[in-house]
Amino acid sequence: MEIIKQMFQEENGKWSFSRISTAVILLFYISFSGYIAITEKKIPDLPDNLYLLLLSLYGVNKFATALKSFASK
């Protein structure tokens, strides 16, 4: 349980919105894809927009962190 807690926290101990939201979106998509695969007997494609959404959530968080550290100097 501790490893999961560390995975979703930043280095300073605060919970990371981008990591949690990425995990929720990814788990939802995997479960929905599994449902489609079972009911329709097809393997669904992973849409390009999903990659863009996941990367943008992570990128915005890292950019904000970098901007804060740059502004504090």
Protein backbone atom coordinates (compact mmCIF):
# COMPACT_ATOMS: atom_id res chain seq x y z
CA MET A 1 0.00 0.00 0.00
CA GLU A 2 2.90 2.35 0.72
CA ILE A 3 4.24 2.01 -2.83
CA ILE A 4 0.87 3.10 -4.26
CA LYS A 5 0.80 6.07 -1.90
CA GLN A 6 4.30 7.09 -3.01
CA MET A 7 3.36 6.68 -6.66
CA PHE A 8 0.58 9.29 -6.40
CA GLN A 9 2.48 11.84 -4.30
CA GLU A 10 4.96 14.50 -5.34
CA GLU A 11 8.43 14.69 -3.83
CA ASN A 12 7.17 17.21 -1.25
CA GLY A 13 4.43 14.84 -0.03
CA LYS A 14 1.45 16.55 -1.68
CA TRP A 15 -0.97 14.47 -3.73
CA SER A 16 -0.49 14.87 -7.48
CA PHE A 17 -3.69 15.71 -9.39
CA SER A 18 -2.15 14.78 -12.73
CA ARG A 19 -0.99 11.35 -11.55
CA ILE A 20 -4.33 10.51 -9.93
CA SER A 21 -6.42 11.75 -12.87
CA THR A 22 -4.18 9.93 -15.35
CA ALA A 23 -4.60 6.69 -13.39
CA VAL A 24 -8.38 7.13 -13.22
CA ILE A 25 -8.67 7.84 -16.95
CA LEU A 26 -6.39 4.94 -17.83
CA LEU A 27 -8.25 2.49 -15.57
CA PHE A 28 -11.58 3.64 -17.02
CA TYR A 29 -10.34 3.17 -20.56
CA ILE A 30 -8.88 -0.27 -19.83
CA SER A 31 -12.11 -1.45 -18.21
CA PHE A 32 -14.23 0.01 -21.03
CA SER A 33 -11.97 -1.64 -23.62
CA GLY A 34 -12.33 -4.94 -21.80
CA TYR A 35 -16.10 -4.55 -21.86
CA ILE A 36 -16.06 -3.83 -25.61
CA ALA A 37 -13.74 -6.78 -26.23
CA ILE A 38 -16.00 -9.17 -24.33
CA THR A 39 -19.37 -7.99 -25.63
CA GLU A 40 -18.53 -7.23 -29.27
CA LYS A 41 -15.64 -9.68 -29.73
CA LYS A 42 -13.41 -6.87 -31.11
CA ILE A 43 -10.22 -5.31 -29.80
CA PRO A 44 -10.74 -1.54 -29.71
CA ASP A 45 -8.04 0.87 -30.85
CA LEU A 46 -6.39 3.26 -28.44
CA PRO A 47 -7.34 6.74 -29.65
CA ASP A 48 -4.60 9.31 -30.24
CA ASN A 49 -6.55 11.92 -28.29
CA LEU A 50 -6.26 9.80 -25.16
CA TYR A 51 -2.46 9.98 -25.37
CA LEU A 52 -2.71 13.75 -25.83
CA LEU A 53 -4.99 14.10 -22.81
CA LEU A 54 -2.77 12.01 -20.55
CA LEU A 55 0.41 13.77 -21.64
CA SER A 56 -1.14 17.22 -21.29
CA LEU A 57 -2.25 16.52 -17.70
CA TYR A 58 1.25 15.43 -16.77
CA GLY A 59 2.92 18.20 -18.78
CA VAL A 60 0.86 21.01 -17.24
CA ASN A 61 1.73 19.78 -13.76
CA LYS A 62 5.46 19.56 -14.50
CA PHE A 63 5.44 22.97 -16.21
CA ALA A 64 3.74 24.55 -13.19
CA THR A 65 6.28 22.96 -10.85
CA ALA A 66 9.19 24.22 -12.97
CA LEU A 67 7.67 27.69 -13.16
CA LYS A 68 7.25 27.85 -9.37
CA SER A 69 10.86 26.82 -8.78
CA PHE A 70 12.08 29.33 -11.37
CA ALA A 71 10.00 32.15 -9.84
CA SER A 72 11.28 31.45 -6.32
CA LYS A 73 14.91 31.98 -7.35
